[in-house]
Amino acid sequence: MQNKQEWFDNKVAAVQKDIMSEVQLSADIVARIDTILKRKQMTQRELAHKMGKSEAVISRWTTGLPNLTIRSITAISTALGEPLIRITED
C-alpha cells in the first residue's frame, strides 16, 4: 500500500507536461504580482481601486491558480507600472 506522499508523487507524475507548464506559469505570475505589491507597499485593495475591480477579483487573481488572460495580465501590469511577463530571446 502506498503512503500519501507516494500517492501524491504518482498523481503529479501523471499530469500532462503542458498542463504542468500552465500551472507553473500561472504560479509564477501570481508570485510576481505579490512581489511587486510588497515592493511598492501596495495592498490588494489599492490595486483593485486602481484597476476599477472588486477586491474579490484581485483576491482570486492573487491566490490559487487563476486563469489570467492576456488582457488581464496587461491591465495588472499597467496598474502596477511594470510588466508581469518579459519575453526574452535565447
Protein backbone atom coordinates (compact mmCIF):
# COMPACT_ATOMS: atom_id res chain seq x y z
CA MET A 1 0.00 0.00 0.00
CA GLN A 2 1.26 3.49 -0.92
CA ASN A 3 1.72 6.19 1.63
CA LYS A 4 0.25 9.64 0.99
CA GLN A 5 3.49 11.07 -0.42
CA GLU A 6 3.93 8.20 -2.90
CA TRP A 7 0.30 8.55 -3.96
CA PHE A 8 0.73 12.31 -4.46
CA ASP A 9 4.01 11.87 -6.36
CA ASN A 10 2.36 9.36 -8.69
CA LYS A 11 -0.54 11.72 -9.37
CA VAL A 12 1.82 14.63 -10.11
CA ALA A 13 3.91 12.45 -12.42
CA ALA A 14 0.76 11.56 -14.37
CA VAL A 15 -0.11 15.20 -15.14
CA GLN A 16 0.50 16.13 -18.77
CA LYS A 17 3.57 18.29 -19.33
CA ASP A 18 1.59 21.12 -20.96
CA ILE A 19 -0.80 21.25 -18.00
CA MET A 20 2.13 21.28 -15.58
CA SER A 21 3.75 24.13 -17.56
CA GLU A 22 0.49 26.10 -17.45
CA VAL A 23 0.20 25.66 -13.69
CA GLN A 24 3.84 26.68 -13.18
CA LEU A 25 3.47 29.80 -15.35
CA SER A 26 0.30 30.80 -13.52
CA ALA A 27 2.03 30.33 -10.15
CA ASP A 28 5.00 32.40 -11.36
CA ILE A 29 2.70 35.26 -12.41
CA VAL A 30 0.88 35.20 -9.05
CA ALA A 31 4.25 35.27 -7.26
CA ARG A 32 5.38 38.23 -9.40
CA ILE A 33 2.20 40.17 -8.59
CA ASP A 34 2.78 39.50 -4.89
CA THR A 35 6.45 40.57 -5.14
CA ILE A 36 5.57 43.83 -6.90
CA LEU A 37 2.78 44.63 -4.43
CA LYS A 38 5.13 44.10 -1.49
CA ARG A 39 7.97 46.10 -3.05
CA LYS A 40 5.63 49.01 -3.78
CA GLN A 41 3.98 48.62 -0.36
CA MET A 42 0.68 48.40 -2.17
CA THR A 43 -2.33 46.44 -0.97
CA GLN A 44 -4.69 44.31 -3.00
CA ARG A 45 -7.36 46.87 -2.14
CA GLU A 46 -5.27 49.64 -3.71
CA LEU A 47 -4.64 47.54 -6.81
CA ALA A 48 -8.36 46.81 -7.08
CA HIS A 49 -9.19 50.52 -6.79
CA LYS A 50 -6.56 51.45 -9.39
CA MET A 51 -7.96 48.87 -11.80
CA GLY A 52 -11.64 49.58 -11.12
CA LYS A 53 -12.12 45.99 -9.96
CA SER A 54 -13.53 44.50 -6.80
CA GLU A 55 -11.22 43.26 -4.08
CA ALA A 56 -12.71 39.79 -4.63
CA VAL A 57 -11.45 39.74 -8.23
CA ILE A 58 -7.94 40.74 -7.16
CA SER A 59 -8.03 38.17 -4.38
CA ARG A 60 -8.96 35.44 -6.89
CA TRP A 61 -6.10 36.58 -9.13
CA THR A 62 -3.54 36.57 -6.33
CA THR A 63 -4.47 33.36 -4.57
CA GLY A 64 -4.62 29.91 -6.03
CA LEU A 65 -4.03 29.44 -9.73
CA PRO A 66 -6.07 31.93 -11.75
CA ASN A 67 -6.69 31.58 -15.45
CA LEU A 68 -5.45 35.04 -16.39
CA THR A 69 -5.99 36.33 -19.92
CA ILE A 70 -3.51 38.44 -21.86
CA ARG A 71 -5.93 41.34 -21.32
CA SER A 72 -5.96 40.90 -17.52
CA ILE A 73 -2.17 40.45 -17.39
CA THR A 74 -1.80 43.69 -19.38
CA ALA A 75 -4.26 45.53 -17.10
CA ILE A 76 -2.45 44.34 -13.96
CA SER A 77 0.93 45.29 -15.47
CA THR A 78 -0.37 48.75 -16.32
CA ALA A 79 -1.83 49.28 -12.85
CA LEU A 80 1.42 48.13 -11.20
CA GLY A 81 3.54 50.20 -13.57
CA GLU A 82 5.77 47.31 -14.62
CA PRO A 83 5.49 44.14 -16.66
CA LEU A 84 4.44 40.85 -15.16
CA ILE A 85 5.91 38.91 -18.09
CA ARG A 86 9.07 39.63 -20.01
CA ILE A 87 9.70 37.92 -23.31
CA THR A 88 13.38 37.35 -23.99
CA GLU A 89 15.23 35.88 -26.92
CA ASP A 90 17.53 32.96 -26.26
